[in-house]
Amino acid sequence: MPPMRRMARRTARRTSRRQAAMYSNSYSDPSYNDAPPPQQAPVQYAQPAPAQPAADDPKVILANRLARGEITPEEYKAAMAALGY
């Protein structure tokens, strides 16, 4: 038999053994097969954003106007009292 065919057959045999070992569940270390399956980390879902007051809330509008200097603190207090706060 020519050396090239012998080499090809030997390589094919080695490759098939490697593939069989790679895809089989038998490993040389017996403790590997006895080990429990790995634990997965618990899934944490995203938390909803905290509720923010609506932009059209009268208290927020008055507080923003006071902060911008559009109204005085006395006008702010009077408006809050008129709104029932």
PDB file of N, CA and C in Angstrom:
ATOM      1  N   MET A   1       0.856  -1.173   0.000  1.00  0.00           N
ATOM      2  CA  MET A   1       0.000   0.000   0.000  1.00  0.00           C
ATOM      3  C   MET A   1       0.904   1.238   0.000  1.00  0.00           C
ATOM      4  N   PRO A   2       0.594   2.203  -0.838  1.00  0.00           N
ATOM      5  CA  PRO A   2       1.431   3.401  -0.884  1.00  0.00           C
ATOM      6  C   PRO A   2       1.373   4.143   0.463  1.00  0.00           C
ATOM      7  N   PRO A   3       2.456   4.816   0.823  1.00  0.00           N
ATOM      8  CA  PRO A   3       2.499   5.496   2.123  1.00  0.00           C
ATOM      9  C   PRO A   3       1.433   6.577   2.271  1.00  0.00           C
ATOM     10  N   MET A   4       1.027   7.182   1.203  1.00  0.00           N
ATOM     11  CA  MET A   4       0.043   8.257   1.298  1.00  0.00           C
ATOM     12  C   MET A   4      -1.307   7.733   1.773  1.00  0.00           C
ATOM     13  N   ARG A   5      -1.739   6.596   1.262  1.00  0.00           N
ATOM     14  CA  ARG A   5      -3.017   6.028   1.684  1.00  0.00           C
ATOM     15  C   ARG A   5      -2.967   5.594   3.140  1.00  0.00           C
ATOM     16  N   ARG A   6      -1.838   5.005   3.529  1.00  0.00           N
ATOM     17  CA  ARG A   6      -1.694   4.569   4.906  1.00  0.00           C
ATOM     18  C   ARG A   6      -1.789   5.775   5.850  1.00  0.00           C
ATOM     19  N   MET A   7      -1.139   6.871   5.464  1.00  0.00           N
ATOM     20  CA  MET A   7      -1.145   8.090   6.272  1.00  0.00           C
ATOM     21  C   MET A   7      -2.568   8.649   6.364  1.00  0.00           C
ATOM     22  N   ALA A   8      -3.289   8.665   5.259  1.00  0.00           N
ATOM     23  CA  ALA A   8      -4.649   9.197   5.255  1.00  0.00           C
ATOM     24  C   ALA A   8      -5.560   8.348   6.127  1.00  0.00           C
ATOM     25  N   ARG A   9      -5.401   7.033   6.065  1.00  0.00           N
ATOM     26  CA  ARG A   9      -6.242   6.155   6.866  1.00  0.00           C
ATOM     27  C   ARG A   9      -5.941   6.342   8.360  1.00  0.00           C
ATOM     28  N   ARG A  10      -4.640   6.460   8.702  1.00  0.00           N
ATOM     29  CA  ARG A  10      -4.248   6.645  10.088  1.00  0.00           C
ATOM     30  C   ARG A  10      -4.795   7.977  10.629  1.00  0.00           C
ATOM     31  N   THR A  11      -4.704   9.024   9.829  1.00  0.00           N
ATOM     32  CA  THR A  11      -5.211  10.335  10.236  1.00  0.00           C
ATOM     33  C   THR A  11      -6.723  10.287  10.416  1.00  0.00           C
ATOM     34  N   ALA A  12      -7.410   9.607   9.524  1.00  0.00           N
ATOM     35  CA  ALA A  12      -8.863   9.496   9.639  1.00  0.00           C
ATOM     36  C   ALA A  12      -9.244   8.748  10.909  1.00  0.00           C
ATOM     37  N   ARG A  13      -8.483   7.696  11.244  1.00  0.00           N
ATOM     38  CA  ARG A  13      -8.764   6.943  12.460  1.00  0.00           C
ATOM     39  C   ARG A  13      -8.571   7.817  13.697  1.00  0.00           C
ATOM     40  N   ARG A  14      -7.473   8.585  13.718  1.00  0.00           N
ATOM     41  CA  ARG A  14      -7.208   9.477  14.854  1.00  0.00           C
ATOM     42  C   ARG A  14      -8.312  10.518  14.998  1.00  0.00           C
ATOM     43  N   THR A  15      -8.694  11.084  13.871  1.00  0.00           N
ATOM     44  CA  THR A  15      -9.724  12.123  13.898  1.00  0.00           C
ATOM     45  C   THR A  15     -11.038  11.563  14.420  1.00  0.00           C
ATOM     46  N   SER A  16     -11.424  10.388  13.975  1.00  0.00           N
ATOM     47  CA  SER A  16     -12.701   9.837  14.427  1.00  0.00           C
ATOM     48  C   SER A  16     -12.645   9.508  15.917  1.00  0.00           C
ATOM     49  N   ARG A  17     -11.490   9.071  16.426  1.00  0.00           N
ATOM     50  CA  ARG A  17     -11.376   8.819  17.869  1.00  0.00           C
ATOM     51  C   ARG A  17     -11.501  10.112  18.654  1.00  0.00           C
ATOM     52  N   ARG A  18     -10.846  11.146  18.152  1.00  0.00           N
ATOM     53  CA  ARG A  18     -10.932  12.445  18.840  1.00  0.00           C
ATOM     54  C   ARG A  18     -12.377  12.942  18.864  1.00  0.00           C
ATOM     55  N   GLN A  19     -13.047  12.835  17.733  1.00  0.00           N
ATOM     56  CA  GLN A  19     -14.430  13.299  17.668  1.00  0.00           C
ATOM     57  C   GLN A  19     -15.320  12.482  18.582  1.00  0.00           C
ATOM     58  N   ALA A  20     -15.091  11.189  18.645  1.00  0.00           N
ATOM     59  CA  ALA A  20     -15.896  10.340  19.520  1.00  0.00           C
ATOM     60  C   ALA A  20     -15.674  10.726  20.971  1.00  0.00           C
ATOM     61  N   ALA A  21     -14.430  11.008  21.338  1.00  0.00           N
ATOM     62  CA  ALA A  21     -14.138  11.409  22.714  1.00  0.00           C
ATOM     63  C   ALA A  21     -14.722  12.780  23.011  1.00  0.00           C
ATOM     64  N   MET A  22     -14.703  13.648  22.011  1.00  0.00           N
ATOM     65  CA  MET A  22     -15.203  14.994  22.226  1.00  0.00           C
ATOM     66  C   MET A  22     -16.713  15.013  22.446  1.00  0.00           C
ATOM     67  N   TYR A  23     -17.426  14.181  21.715  1.00  0.00           N
ATOM     68  CA  TYR A  23     -18.875  14.215  21.770  1.00  0.00           C
ATOM     69  C   TYR A  23     -19.482  13.212  22.738  1.00  0.00           C
ATOM     70  N   SER A  24     -18.670  12.418  23.383  1.00  0.00           N
ATOM     71  CA  SER A  24     -19.219  11.454  24.337  1.00  0.00           C
ATOM     72  C   SER A  24     -19.272  12.077  25.724  1.00  0.00           C
ATOM     73  N   ASN A  25     -20.041  11.484  26.610  1.00  0.00           N
ATOM     74  CA  ASN A  25     -20.149  11.984  27.977  1.00  0.00           C
ATOM     75  C   ASN A  25     -19.193  11.291  28.928  1.00  0.00           C
ATOM     76  N   SER A  26     -18.368  10.405  28.436  1.00  0.00           N
ATOM     77  CA  SER A  26     -17.439   9.711  29.323  1.00  0.00           C
ATOM     78  C   SER A  26     -16.126  10.477  29.367  1.00  0.00           C
ATOM     79  N   TYR A  27     -15.748  10.868  30.544  1.00  0.00           N
ATOM     80  CA  TYR A  27     -14.502  11.582  30.751  1.00  0.00           C
ATOM     81  C   TYR A  27     -13.599  10.720  31.616  1.00  0.00           C
ATOM     82  N   SER A  28     -12.311  10.966  31.546  1.00  0.00           N
ATOM     83  CA  SER A  28     -11.368  10.151  32.300  1.00  0.00           C
ATOM     84  C   SER A  28     -11.444  10.453  33.791  1.00  0.00           C
ATOM     85  N   ASP A  29     -11.904  11.621  34.170  1.00  0.00           N
ATOM     86  CA  ASP A  29     -12.005  11.989  35.580  1.00  0.00           C
ATOM     87  C   ASP A  29     -13.378  11.560  36.097  1.00  0.00           C
ATOM     88  N   PRO A  30     -13.456  10.543  36.960  1.00  0.00           N
ATOM     89  CA  PRO A  30     -14.773  10.072  37.419  1.00  0.00           C
ATOM     90  C   PRO A  30     -15.484  11.083  38.310  1.00  0.00           C
ATOM     91  N   SER A  31     -14.743  11.951  38.988  1.00  0.00           N
ATOM     92  CA  SER A  31     -15.402  12.917  39.872  1.00  0.00           C
ATOM     93  C   SER A  31     -16.181  13.955  39.065  1.00  0.00           C
ATOM     94  N   TYR A  32     -15.817  14.133  37.807  1.00  0.00           N
ATOM     95  CA  TYR A  32     -16.524  15.101  36.983  1.00  0.00           C
ATOM     96  C   TYR A  32     -17.973  14.673  36.777  1.00  0.00           C
ATOM     97  N   ASN A  33     -18.195  13.398  36.542  1.00  0.00           N
ATOM     98  CA  ASN A  33     -19.549  12.906  36.295  1.00  0.00           C
ATOM     99  C   ASN A  33     -20.397  12.902  37.557  1.00  0.00           C
ATOM    100  N   ASP A  34     -19.778  12.852  38.737  1.00  0.00           N
ATOM    101  CA  ASP A  34     -20.522  12.824  39.992  1.00  0.00           C
ATOM    102  C   ASP A  34     -20.855  14.218  40.503  1.00  0.00           C
ATOM    103  N   ALA A  35     -20.286  15.242  39.921  1.00  0.00           N
ATOM    104  CA  ALA A  35     -20.489  16.604  40.408  1.00  0.00           C
ATOM    105  C   ALA A  35     -21.916  17.054  40.118  1.00  0.00           C
ATOM    106  N   PRO A  36     -22.508  17.852  41.024  1.00  0.00           N
ATOM    107  CA  PRO A  36     -23.857  18.372  40.763  1.00  0.00           C
ATOM    108  C   PRO A  36     -23.808  19.390  39.625  1.00  0.00           C
ATOM    109  N   PRO A  37     -24.916  19.637  38.974  1.00  0.00           N
ATOM    110  CA  PRO A  37     -24.924  20.610  37.880  1.00  0.00           C
ATOM    111  C   PRO A  37     -24.614  22.008  38.424  1.00  0.00           C
ATOM    112  N   PRO A  38     -24.013  22.860  37.623  1.00  0.00           N
ATOM    113  CA  PRO A  38     -23.675  24.205  38.098  1.00  0.00           C
ATOM    114  C   PRO A  38     -24.937  25.004  38.415  1.00  0.00           C
ATOM    115  N   GLN A  39     -24.836  25.858  39.403  1.00  0.00           N
ATOM    116  CA  GLN A  39     -25.964  26.698  39.806  1.00  0.00           C
ATOM    117  C   GLN A  39     -25.994  27.947  38.933  1.00  0.00           C
ATOM    118  N   GLN A  40     -27.184  28.373  38.599  1.00  0.00           N
ATOM    119  CA  GLN A  40     -27.323  29.598  37.824  1.00  0.00           C
ATOM    120  C   GLN A  40     -27.667  30.738  38.761  1.00  0.00           C
ATOM    121  N   ALA A  41     -27.207  31.912  38.419  1.00  0.00           N
ATOM    122  CA  ALA A  41     -27.522  33.091  39.215  1.00  0.00           C
ATOM    123  C   ALA A  41     -29.006  33.412  39.053  1.00  0.00           C
ATOM    124  N   PRO A  42     -29.658  33.870  40.117  1.00  0.00           N
ATOM    125  CA  PRO A  42     -31.079  34.212  39.992  1.00  0.00           C
ATOM    126  C   PRO A  42     -31.266  35.407  39.061  1.00  0.00           C
ATOM    127  N   VAL A  43     -32.360  35.392  38.354  1.00  0.00           N
ATOM    128  CA  VAL A  43     -32.660  36.469  37.415  1.00  0.00           C
ATOM    129  C   VAL A  43     -33.238  37.641  38.186  1.00  0.00           C
ATOM    130  N   GLN A  44     -32.686  38.816  37.944  1.00  0.00           N
ATOM    131  CA  GLN A  44     -33.220  40.017  38.575  1.00  0.00           C
ATOM    132  C   GLN A  44     -33.797  40.899  37.480  1.00  0.00           C
ATOM    133  N   TYR A  45     -35.054  41.232  37.648  1.00  0.00           N
ATOM    134  CA  TYR A  45     -35.723  42.054  36.664  1.00  0.00           C
ATOM    135  C   TYR A  45     -35.540  43.524  37.023  1.00  0.00           C
ATOM    136  N   ALA A  46     -35.619  44.370  36.037  1.00  0.00           N
ATOM    137  CA  ALA A  46     -35.478  45.804  36.261  1.00  0.00           C
ATOM    138  C   ALA A  46     -36.654  46.314  37.088  1.00  0.00           C
ATOM    139  N   GLN A  47     -36.358  47.195  38.001  1.00  0.00           N
ATOM    140  CA  GLN A  47     -37.391  47.787  38.839  1.00  0.00           C
ATOM    141  C   GLN A  47     -37.989  48.994  38.117  1.00  0.00           C
ATOM    142  N   PRO A  48     -39.290  49.200  38.243  1.00  0.00           N
ATOM    143  CA  PRO A  48     -39.883  50.380  37.618  1.00  0.00           C
ATOM    144  C   PRO A  48     -39.376  51.651  38.298  1.00  0.00           C
ATOM    145  N   ALA A  49     -39.315  52.710  37.537  1.00  0.00           N
ATOM    146  CA  ALA A  49     -38.855  53.988  38.076  1.00  0.00           C
ATOM    147  C   ALA A  49     -39.851  54.486  39.117  1.00  0.00           C
ATOM    148  N   PRO A  50     -39.360  55.164  40.153  1.00  0.00           N
ATOM    149  CA  PRO A  50     -40.287  55.681  41.160  1.00  0.00           C
ATOM    150  C   PRO A  50     -41.230  56.715  40.541  1.00  0.00           C
ATOM    151  N   ALA A  51     -42.426  56.729  41.042  1.00  0.00           N
ATOM    152  CA  ALA A  51     -43.435  57.650  40.514  1.00  0.00           C
ATOM    153  C   ALA A  51     -43.034  59.088  40.818  1.00  0.00           C
ATOM    154  N   GLN A  52     -43.131  59.937  39.820  1.00  0.00           N
ATOM    155  CA  GLN A  52     -42.815  61.348  39.991  1.00  0.00           C
ATOM    156  C   GLN A  52     -44.106  62.141  39.847  1.00  0.00           C
ATOM    157  N   PRO A  53     -44.182  63.250  40.560  1.00  0.00           N
ATOM    158  CA  PRO A  53     -45.408  64.048  40.440  1.00  0.00           C
ATOM    159  C   PRO A  53     -45.578  64.558  39.007  1.00  0.00           C
ATOM    160  N   ALA A  54     -46.815  64.653  38.594  1.00  0.00           N
ATOM    161  CA  ALA A  54     -47.109  65.113  37.238  1.00  0.00           C
ATOM    162  C   ALA A  54     -46.668  66.563  37.077  1.00  0.00           C
ATOM    163  N   ALA A  55     -46.257  66.915  35.869  1.00  0.00           N
ATOM    164  CA  ALA A  55     -45.783  68.275  35.611  1.00  0.00           C
ATOM    165  C   ALA A  55     -46.914  69.293  35.719  1.00  0.00           C
ATOM    166  N   ASP A  56     -48.157  68.851  35.551  1.00  0.00           N
ATOM    167  CA  ASP A  56     -49.276  69.789  35.619  1.00  0.00           C
ATOM    168  C   ASP A  56     -49.917  69.824  37.005  1.00  0.00           C
ATOM    169  N   ASP A  57     -49.239  69.270  38.016  1.00  0.00           N
ATOM    170  CA  ASP A  57     -49.725  69.320  39.390  1.00  0.00           C
ATOM    171  C   ASP A  57     -49.633  70.770  39.880  1.00  0.00           C
ATOM    172  N   PRO A  58     -50.697  71.325  40.450  1.00  0.00           N
ATOM    173  CA  PRO A  58     -50.681  72.739  40.863  1.00  0.00           C
ATOM    174  C   PRO A  58     -49.566  73.066  41.850  1.00  0.00           C
ATOM    175  N   LYS A  59     -49.278  72.139  42.767  1.00  0.00           N
ATOM    176  CA  LYS A  59     -48.199  72.401  43.729  1.00  0.00           C
ATOM    177  C   LYS A  59     -46.857  72.526  43.017  1.00  0.00           C
ATOM    178  N   VAL A  60     -46.626  71.667  42.041  1.00  0.00           N
ATOM    179  CA  VAL A  60     -45.360  71.698  41.304  1.00  0.00           C
ATOM    180  C   VAL A  60     -45.254  72.981  40.487  1.00  0.00           C
ATOM    181  N   ILE A  61     -46.344  73.362  39.856  1.00  0.00           N
ATOM    182  CA  ILE A  61     -46.334  74.592  39.051  1.00  0.00           C
ATOM    183  C   ILE A  61     -46.041  75.795  39.932  1.00  0.00           C
ATOM    184  N   LEU A  62     -46.696  75.858  41.078  1.00  0.00           N
ATOM    185  CA  LEU A  62     -46.456  76.986  41.988  1.00  0.00           C
ATOM    186  C   LEU A  62     -45.021  76.972  42.514  1.00  0.00           C
ATOM    187  N   ALA A  63     -44.515  75.805  42.872  1.00  0.00           N
ATOM    188  CA  ALA A  63     -43.142  75.717  43.377  1.00  0.00           C
ATOM    189  C   ALA A  63     -42.143  76.139  42.304  1.00  0.00           C
ATOM    190  N   ASN A  64     -42.378  75.743  41.066  1.00  0.00           N
ATOM    191  CA  ASN A  64     -41.486  76.153  39.976  1.00  0.00           C
ATOM    192  C   ASN A  64     -41.547  77.658  39.739  1.00  0.00           C
ATOM    193  N   ARG A  65     -42.731  78.226  39.785  1.00  0.00           N
ATOM    194  CA  ARG A  65     -42.864  79.678  39.599  1.00  0.00           C
ATOM    195  C   ARG A  65     -42.170  80.435  40.720  1.00  0.00           C
ATOM    196  N   LEU A  66     -42.279  79.910  41.948  1.00  0.00           N
ATOM    197  CA  LEU A  66     -41.591  80.533  43.081  1.00  0.00           C
ATOM    198  C   LEU A  66     -40.074  80.420  42.892  1.00  0.00           C
ATOM    199  N   ALA A  67     -39.603  79.278  42.434  1.00  0.00           N
ATOM    200  CA  ALA A  67     -38.169  79.075  42.225  1.00  0.00           C
ATOM    201  C   ALA A  67     -37.629  79.977  41.117  1.00  0.00           C
ATOM    202  N   ARG A  68     -38.422  80.227  40.087  1.00  0.00           N
ATOM    203  CA  ARG A  68     -37.974  81.102  39.000  1.00  0.00           C
ATOM    204  C   ARG A  68     -38.101  82.579  39.360  1.00  0.00           C
ATOM    205  N   GLY A  69     -38.769  82.878  40.457  1.00  0.00           N
ATOM    206  CA  GLY A  69     -38.926  84.272  40.875  1.00  0.00           C
ATOM    207  C   GLY A  69     -40.115  84.956  40.242  1.00  0.00           C
ATOM    208  N   GLU A  70     -41.016  84.213  39.647  1.00  0.00           N
ATOM    209  CA  GLU A  70     -42.198  84.801  39.020  1.00  0.00           C
ATOM    210  C   GLU A  70     -43.197  85.273  40.068  1.00  0.00           C
ATOM    211  N   ILE A  71     -43.246  84.607  41.216  1.00  0.00           N
ATOM    212  CA  ILE A  71     -44.154  85.003  42.298  1.00  0.00           C
ATOM    213  C   ILE A  71     -43.342  85.118  43.587  1.00  0.00           C
ATOM    214  N   THR A  72     -43.880  85.878  44.528  1.00  0.00           N
ATOM    215  CA  THR A  72     -43.220  86.054  45.827  1.00  0.00           C
ATOM    216  C   THR A  72     -43.665  84.938  46.767  1.00  0.00           C
ATOM    217  N   PRO A  73     -42.941  84.739  47.870  1.00  0.00           N
ATOM    218  CA  PRO A  73     -43.366  83.720  48.832  1.00  0.00           C
ATOM    219  C   PRO A  73     -44.777  83.967  49.380  1.00  0.00           C
ATOM    220  N   GLU A  74     -45.166  85.241  49.524  1.00  0.00           N
ATOM    221  CA  GLU A  74     -46.520  85.538  50.004  1.00  0.00           C
ATOM    222  C   GLU A  74     -47.565  85.101  48.984  1.00  0.00           C
ATOM    223  N   GLU A  75     -47.292  85.377  47.699  1.00  0.00           N
ATOM    224  CA  GLU A  75     -48.218  84.952  46.647  1.00  0.00           C
ATOM    225  C   GLU A  75     -48.294  83.419  46.586  1.00  0.00           C
ATOM    226  N   TYR A  76     -47.164  82.773  46.805  1.00  0.00           N
ATOM    227  CA  TYR A  76     -47.126  81.307  46.816  1.00  0.00           C
ATOM    228  C   TYR A  76     -48.010  80.764  47.929  1.00  0.00           C
ATOM    229  N   LYS A  77     -47.858  81.328  49.143  1.00  0.00           N
ATOM    230  CA  LYS A  77     -48.665  80.869  50.283  1.00  0.00           C
ATOM    231  C   LYS A  77     -50.147  81.117  50.042  1.00  0.00           C
ATOM    232  N   ALA A  78     -50.480  82.282  49.475  1.00  0.00           N
ATOM    233  CA  ALA A  78     -51.880  82.607  49.199  1.00  0.00           C
ATOM    234  C   ALA A  78     -52.462  81.645  48.159  1.00  0.00           C
ATOM    235  N   ALA A  79     -51.696  81.331  47.133  1.00  0.00           N
ATOM    236  CA  ALA A  79     -52.177  80.425  46.087  1.00  0.00           C
ATOM    237  C   ALA A  79     -52.344  79.015  46.645  1.00  0.00           C
ATOM    238  N   MET A  80     -51.412  78.576  47.500  1.00  0.00           N
ATOM    239  CA  MET A  80     -51.522  77.250  48.108  1.00  0.00           C
ATOM    240  C   MET A  80     -52.759  77.178  49.002  1.00  0.00           C
ATOM    241  N   ALA A  81     -53.016  78.251  49.744  1.00  0.00           N
ATOM    242  CA  ALA A  81     -54.202  78.279  50.605  1.00  0.00           C
ATOM    243  C   ALA A  81     -55.476  78.264  49.761  1.00  0.00           C
ATOM    244  N   ALA A  82     -55.453  78.972  48.645  1.00  0.00           N
ATOM    245  CA  ALA A  82     -56.619  79.007  47.767  1.00  0.00           C
ATOM    246  C   ALA A  82     -56.877  77.628  47.153  1.00  0.00           C
ATOM    247  N   LEU A  83     -55.812  76.868  46.920  1.00  0.00           N
ATOM    248  CA  LEU A  83     -55.967  75.525  46.358  1.00  0.00           C
ATOM    249  C   LEU A  83     -56.347  74.497  47.419  1.00  0.00           C
ATOM    250  N   GLY A  84     -56.245  74.876  48.666  1.00  0.00           N
ATOM    251  CA  GLY A  84     -56.628  73.967  49.740  1.00  0.00           C
ATOM    252  C   GLY A  84     -55.478  73.139  50.281  1.00  0.00           C
ATOM    253  N   TYR A  85     -54.255  73.573  50.053  1.00  0.00           N
ATOM    254  CA  TYR A  85     -53.099  72.834  50.569  1.00  0.00           C
ATOM    255  C   TYR A  85     -52.566  73.464  51.817  1.00  0.00           C
TER     256      TYR A  85
END
